[in-house]
Amino acid sequence: MIKQLITSAVLGAALVGSHSLMAADFTLRFGHLANEQNIWHQAAEKFRVYGFNG
């Protein structure tokens, strides 16, 4: 019983890992309900331009 659970957990992790490698290209889109002077909008614009490294 425990051996079957461990085997299925390992196989499940391998499937999830291989799926993320196949889906390497993606587009991140997001929106918010803030005007252009709001700090949320300004932060989103900075993130859009510079990404995580800004």
N, C-alpha and C. Protein backbone atom coordinates (compact mmCIF):
# COMPACT_ATOMS: atom_id res chain seq x y z
N MET A 1 0.82 -1.19 0.00
CA MET A 1 0.00 0.00 0.00
C MET A 1 0.87 1.26 0.00
N ILE A 2 1.81 1.34 0.92
CA ILE A 2 2.65 2.53 1.00
C ILE A 2 3.56 2.63 -0.22
N LYS A 3 4.00 1.48 -0.73
CA LYS A 3 4.85 1.47 -1.92
C LYS A 3 4.08 2.02 -3.13
N GLN A 4 2.81 1.69 -3.24
CA GLN A 4 1.98 2.19 -4.34
C GLN A 4 1.78 3.70 -4.22
N LEU A 5 1.60 4.21 -3.00
CA LEU A 5 1.44 5.64 -2.80
C LEU A 5 2.71 6.40 -3.17
N ILE A 6 3.84 5.86 -2.77
CA ILE A 6 5.11 6.51 -3.10
C ILE A 6 5.35 6.49 -4.60
N THR A 7 5.07 5.35 -5.22
CA THR A 7 5.25 5.24 -6.68
C THR A 7 4.35 6.22 -7.42
N SER A 8 3.10 6.31 -7.01
CA SER A 8 2.19 7.24 -7.69
C SER A 8 2.59 8.69 -7.43
N ALA A 9 3.10 8.99 -6.25
CA ALA A 9 3.56 10.36 -5.97
C ALA A 9 4.75 10.73 -6.84
N VAL A 10 5.68 9.80 -7.01
CA VAL A 10 6.86 10.06 -7.85
C VAL A 10 6.44 10.22 -9.31
N LEU A 11 5.56 9.37 -9.77
CA LEU A 11 5.09 9.49 -11.16
C LEU A 11 4.32 10.79 -11.37
N GLY A 12 3.50 11.16 -10.41
CA GLY A 12 2.75 12.42 -10.51
C GLY A 12 3.68 13.62 -10.56
N ALA A 13 4.71 13.61 -9.73
CA ALA A 13 5.67 14.71 -9.74
C ALA A 13 6.42 14.77 -11.07
N ALA A 14 6.74 13.62 -11.63
CA ALA A 14 7.43 13.59 -12.93
C ALA A 14 6.53 14.15 -14.03
N LEU A 15 5.25 13.81 -14.00
CA LEU A 15 4.32 14.32 -15.00
C LEU A 15 4.14 15.83 -14.88
N VAL A 16 4.02 16.32 -13.67
CA VAL A 16 3.87 17.76 -13.47
C VAL A 16 5.14 18.49 -13.93
N GLY A 17 6.29 17.95 -13.61
CA GLY A 17 7.54 18.57 -14.02
C GLY A 17 7.72 18.59 -15.52
N SER A 18 7.36 17.50 -16.19
CA SER A 18 7.51 17.46 -17.64
C SER A 18 6.51 18.38 -18.32
N HIS A 19 5.33 18.55 -17.73
CA HIS A 19 4.33 19.45 -18.32
C HIS A 19 4.81 20.90 -18.26
N SER A 20 5.46 21.30 -17.18
CA SER A 20 5.93 22.67 -17.08
C SER A 20 7.07 22.94 -18.06
N LEU A 21 7.85 21.92 -18.40
CA LEU A 21 8.91 22.11 -19.39
C LEU A 21 8.33 22.28 -20.79
N MET A 22 7.23 21.61 -21.08
CA MET A 22 6.62 21.74 -22.40
C MET A 22 5.96 23.10 -22.57
N ALA A 23 5.48 23.71 -21.51
CA ALA A 23 4.78 24.98 -21.59
C ALA A 23 5.73 26.13 -21.25
N ALA A 24 6.84 26.24 -21.96
CA ALA A 24 7.84 27.25 -21.66
C ALA A 24 7.44 28.63 -22.14
N ASP A 25 6.70 28.73 -23.24
CA ASP A 25 6.29 30.03 -23.77
C ASP A 25 4.91 30.38 -23.25
N PHE A 26 4.81 31.54 -22.59
CA PHE A 26 3.52 31.99 -22.10
C PHE A 26 3.53 33.51 -22.03
N THR A 27 2.35 34.07 -21.95
CA THR A 27 2.19 35.51 -21.85
C THR A 27 1.46 35.82 -20.56
N LEU A 28 2.01 36.72 -19.76
CA LEU A 28 1.38 37.14 -18.52
C LEU A 28 0.58 38.40 -18.79
N ARG A 29 -0.71 38.33 -18.57
CA ARG A 29 -1.58 39.50 -18.75
C ARG A 29 -2.31 39.75 -17.44
N PHE A 30 -2.40 41.00 -17.07
CA PHE A 30 -3.13 41.34 -15.85
C PHE A 30 -3.75 42.71 -16.00
N GLY A 31 -4.70 42.99 -15.18
CA GLY A 31 -5.37 44.27 -15.20
C GLY A 31 -5.73 44.69 -13.79
N HIS A 32 -6.13 45.94 -13.63
CA HIS A 32 -6.52 46.44 -12.32
C HIS A 32 -7.51 47.58 -12.51
N LEU A 33 -8.19 47.92 -11.45
CA LEU A 33 -9.19 48.97 -11.48
C LEU A 33 -8.65 50.22 -10.80
N ALA A 34 -7.66 50.84 -11.39
CA ALA A 34 -7.06 52.03 -10.80
C ALA A 34 -6.79 53.05 -11.90
N ASN A 35 -6.92 54.33 -11.54
CA ASN A 35 -6.63 55.37 -12.53
C ASN A 35 -5.12 55.52 -12.69
N GLU A 36 -4.69 56.35 -13.63
CA GLU A 36 -3.27 56.44 -13.97
C GLU A 36 -2.42 57.10 -12.89
N GLN A 37 -3.03 57.83 -11.96
CA GLN A 37 -2.28 58.45 -10.87
C GLN A 37 -2.18 57.54 -9.64
N ASN A 38 -2.91 56.44 -9.63
CA ASN A 38 -2.89 55.53 -8.51
C ASN A 38 -1.56 54.79 -8.45
N ILE A 39 -1.06 54.54 -7.24
CA ILE A 39 0.23 53.87 -7.07
C ILE A 39 0.19 52.44 -7.62
N TRP A 40 -0.97 51.80 -7.60
CA TRP A 40 -1.09 50.44 -8.16
C TRP A 40 -0.83 50.48 -9.67
N HIS A 41 -1.39 51.49 -10.33
CA HIS A 41 -1.18 51.61 -11.78
C HIS A 41 0.29 51.90 -12.08
N GLN A 42 0.89 52.79 -11.31
CA GLN A 42 2.29 53.14 -11.54
C GLN A 42 3.20 51.94 -11.32
N ALA A 43 2.91 51.15 -10.29
CA ALA A 43 3.71 49.95 -10.04
C ALA A 43 3.53 48.93 -11.15
N ALA A 44 2.31 48.78 -11.65
CA ALA A 44 2.05 47.84 -12.74
C ALA A 44 2.79 48.27 -14.01
N GLU A 45 2.83 49.55 -14.28
CA GLU A 45 3.56 50.04 -15.44
C GLU A 45 5.06 49.79 -15.29
N LYS A 46 5.60 50.00 -14.08
CA LYS A 46 7.01 49.73 -13.86
C LYS A 46 7.31 48.25 -14.04
N PHE A 47 6.42 47.39 -13.53
CA PHE A 47 6.61 45.95 -13.69
C PHE A 47 6.54 45.56 -15.16
N ARG A 48 5.62 46.19 -15.91
CA ARG A 48 5.47 45.87 -17.34
C ARG A 48 6.74 46.22 -18.09
N VAL A 49 7.37 47.32 -17.74
CA VAL A 49 8.57 47.78 -18.45
C VAL A 49 9.82 47.03 -18.00
N TYR A 50 10.00 46.90 -16.68
CA TYR A 50 11.25 46.36 -16.16
C TYR A 50 11.16 44.92 -15.69
N GLY A 51 9.97 44.39 -15.45
CA GLY A 51 9.83 43.03 -14.97
C GLY A 51 10.24 42.89 -13.52
N PHE A 52 10.63 41.71 -13.12
CA PHE A 52 11.00 41.44 -11.74
C PHE A 52 12.32 42.13 -11.36
N ASN A 53 13.18 42.40 -12.33
CA ASN A 53 14.51 42.92 -12.03
C ASN A 53 14.56 44.44 -11.91
N GLY A 54 13.40 45.11 -12.02
CA GLY A 54 13.38 46.57 -12.01
C GLY A 54 13.64 47.12 -10.69
